[in-house]
């Protein structure tokens, strides 16, 4: 939470650090633009987020799940739970850190947002001067 909260707090953007099942979060769901859920939780807990995500979508809130790829072998995927976006790290698959980074990460989205994804993350393009760029 410390990492996520540092920048938004500098510009007075509120961050609520509460578990989805926390009773105070339900009334607040109408006041947020998005929700980030760690799945599984930081202590390995596995919760059913289907109703929480449905409630978020009913209130126009986007849901992002930070997921563990290896755990998803046994769990429902964020897409099956209804999440809009899934992010995470692939470092646990043994990808070396490269002297401190970077390491492989992933970003996936539902069909609704696929055209809003950054284009050509890796690929050939043309720069402002008309030259081929990678």
Protein backbone atom coordinates (compact mmCIF):
# COMPACT_ATOMS: atom_id res chain seq x y z
CA UNK A 1 0.00 0.00 0.00
CA UNK A 2 2.87 2.36 0.69
CA UNK A 3 4.00 2.16 -2.94
CA UNK A 4 0.56 2.75 -4.43
CA UNK A 5 -0.33 5.56 -2.06
CA UNK A 6 2.77 7.73 -2.38
CA UNK A 7 1.99 9.55 -5.64
CA UNK A 8 -1.79 9.93 -5.33
CA UNK A 9 -1.46 11.36 -1.82
CA UNK A 10 0.86 14.10 -3.11
CA UNK A 11 -2.04 15.45 -5.21
CA UNK A 12 -4.72 14.80 -2.55
CA UNK A 13 -6.16 11.78 -4.39
CA UNK A 14 -7.74 9.52 -1.75
CA UNK A 15 -6.68 5.89 -1.42
CA UNK A 16 -8.80 3.43 0.55
CA UNK A 17 -6.91 0.41 1.82
CA UNK A 18 -9.64 -2.03 2.79
CA UNK A 19 -10.44 -5.65 2.12
CA UNK A 20 -13.34 -6.10 -0.33
CA UNK A 21 -15.45 -7.78 2.36
CA UNK A 22 -14.91 -4.87 4.77
CA UNK A 23 -18.34 -3.43 5.74
CA UNK A 24 -17.22 0.20 5.30
CA UNK A 25 -16.22 -0.38 1.66
CA UNK A 26 -19.70 -1.13 0.26
CA UNK A 27 -21.02 2.44 0.68
CA UNK A 28 -17.73 3.89 -0.64
CA UNK A 29 -17.80 1.88 -3.87
CA UNK A 30 -19.92 4.63 -5.47
CA UNK A 31 -17.21 7.19 -4.72
CA UNK A 32 -14.25 5.53 -6.46
CA UNK A 33 -13.18 5.26 -10.09
CA UNK A 34 -11.34 1.96 -9.79
CA UNK A 35 -10.41 -0.90 -7.50
CA UNK A 36 -7.14 -2.84 -7.33
CA UNK A 37 -7.46 -6.31 -5.82
CA UNK A 38 -4.50 -8.55 -4.95
CA UNK A 39 -5.41 -12.14 -5.95
CA UNK A 40 -4.56 -14.28 -4.04
CA UNK A 41 -4.20 -11.92 -1.10
CA UNK A 42 -0.86 -10.94 0.38
CA UNK A 43 -1.17 -13.72 2.97
CA UNK A 44 -2.36 -16.29 0.43
CA UNK A 45 -6.07 -15.92 1.16
CA UNK A 46 -8.41 -16.87 -1.68
CA UNK A 47 -11.71 -15.01 -1.65
CA UNK A 48 -14.65 -15.13 -4.03
CA UNK A 49 -14.79 -11.66 -5.59
CA UNK A 50 -17.66 -12.26 -8.03
CA UNK A 51 -20.30 -10.33 -6.06
CA UNK A 52 -17.87 -7.55 -5.16
CA UNK A 53 -16.92 -7.11 -8.84
CA UNK A 54 -20.58 -7.16 -9.94
CA UNK A 55 -21.34 -4.46 -7.36
CA UNK A 56 -18.37 -2.41 -8.57
CA UNK A 57 -19.51 -2.66 -12.19
CA UNK A 58 -23.07 -1.72 -11.21
CA UNK A 59 -21.62 1.49 -9.78
CA UNK A 60 -19.43 2.20 -12.83
CA UNK A 61 -16.20 1.18 -11.11
CA UNK A 62 -13.40 -0.56 -13.05
CA UNK A 63 -11.70 -3.55 -11.42
CA UNK A 64 -8.01 -4.42 -11.78
CA UNK A 65 -6.61 -7.62 -10.30
CA UNK A 66 -2.91 -8.01 -9.52
CA UNK A 67 -2.54 -11.76 -9.91
CA UNK A 68 -0.04 -14.53 -9.35
CA UNK A 69 0.30 -16.48 -12.61
CA UNK A 70 1.33 -19.71 -10.92
CA UNK A 71 -1.62 -19.59 -8.52
CA UNK A 72 -3.99 -19.18 -11.48
CA UNK A 73 -3.23 -22.76 -12.47
CA UNK A 74 -5.53 -23.80 -9.61
CA UNK A 75 -7.79 -20.74 -9.21
CA UNK A 76 -10.46 -19.04 -11.27
CA UNK A 77 -8.90 -16.43 -13.51
CA UNK A 78 -9.62 -12.73 -12.97
CA UNK A 79 -11.56 -12.82 -16.26
CA UNK A 80 -13.81 -15.57 -14.91
CA UNK A 81 -14.40 -13.47 -11.80
CA UNK A 82 -15.36 -10.47 -13.97
CA UNK A 83 -12.28 -8.25 -13.60
CA UNK A 84 -11.64 -5.69 -16.33
CA UNK A 85 -7.84 -5.81 -16.25
CA UNK A 86 -5.22 -8.23 -14.90
CA UNK A 87 -1.60 -7.31 -14.15
CA UNK A 88 1.30 -9.06 -12.53
CA UNK A 89 4.88 -10.25 -12.57
CA UNK A 90 6.29 -13.36 -14.21
CA UNK A 91 9.49 -13.25 -12.15
CA UNK A 92 8.44 -16.21 -10.03
CA UNK A 93 8.85 -18.45 -13.08
CA UNK A 94 12.60 -18.05 -12.70
CA UNK A 95 13.14 -15.18 -15.11
CA UNK A 96 16.41 -13.69 -13.88
CA UNK A 97 16.26 -10.18 -12.47
CA UNK A 98 19.05 -8.91 -14.74
CA UNK A 99 21.11 -7.25 -12.03
CA UNK A 100 18.11 -5.63 -10.39
CA UNK A 101 15.60 -5.60 -13.23
CA UNK A 102 13.68 -5.32 -15.33
CA UNK A 103 11.85 -8.60 -15.38
CA UNK A 104 8.87 -9.93 -17.28
CA UNK A 105 5.42 -8.62 -16.40
CA UNK A 106 2.03 -9.05 -17.97
CA UNK A 107 -1.07 -6.99 -18.69
CA UNK A 108 -4.33 -8.46 -19.94
CA UNK A 109 -7.76 -6.96 -20.45
CA UNK A 110 -11.30 -7.95 -21.24
CA UNK A 111 -12.53 -7.62 -24.82
CA UNK A 112 -14.17 -4.31 -23.93
CA UNK A 113 -10.81 -2.60 -23.36
CA UNK A 114 -8.54 -4.34 -25.87
CA UNK A 115 -8.54 -1.37 -28.27
CA UNK A 116 -7.49 0.94 -25.43
CA UNK A 117 -4.32 -1.04 -24.69
CA UNK A 118 -1.00 0.56 -25.58
CA UNK A 119 -0.24 -0.33 -29.17
CA UNK A 120 2.97 -1.82 -30.40
CA UNK A 121 4.58 -2.24 -27.02
CA UNK A 122 7.31 -4.06 -28.95
CA UNK A 123 7.31 -3.74 -32.70
CA UNK A 124 8.20 -1.63 -35.69
CA UNK A 125 6.81 1.86 -36.10
CA UNK A 126 7.70 5.18 -37.72
CA UNK A 127 9.08 8.03 -35.59
CA UNK A 128 8.28 11.75 -35.94
CA UNK A 129 11.02 12.20 -38.55
CA UNK A 130 9.78 9.32 -40.73
CA UNK A 131 12.51 6.85 -39.72
CA UNK A 132 11.84 3.24 -38.76
CA UNK A 133 11.73 2.88 -34.98
CA UNK A 134 11.43 -0.06 -32.63
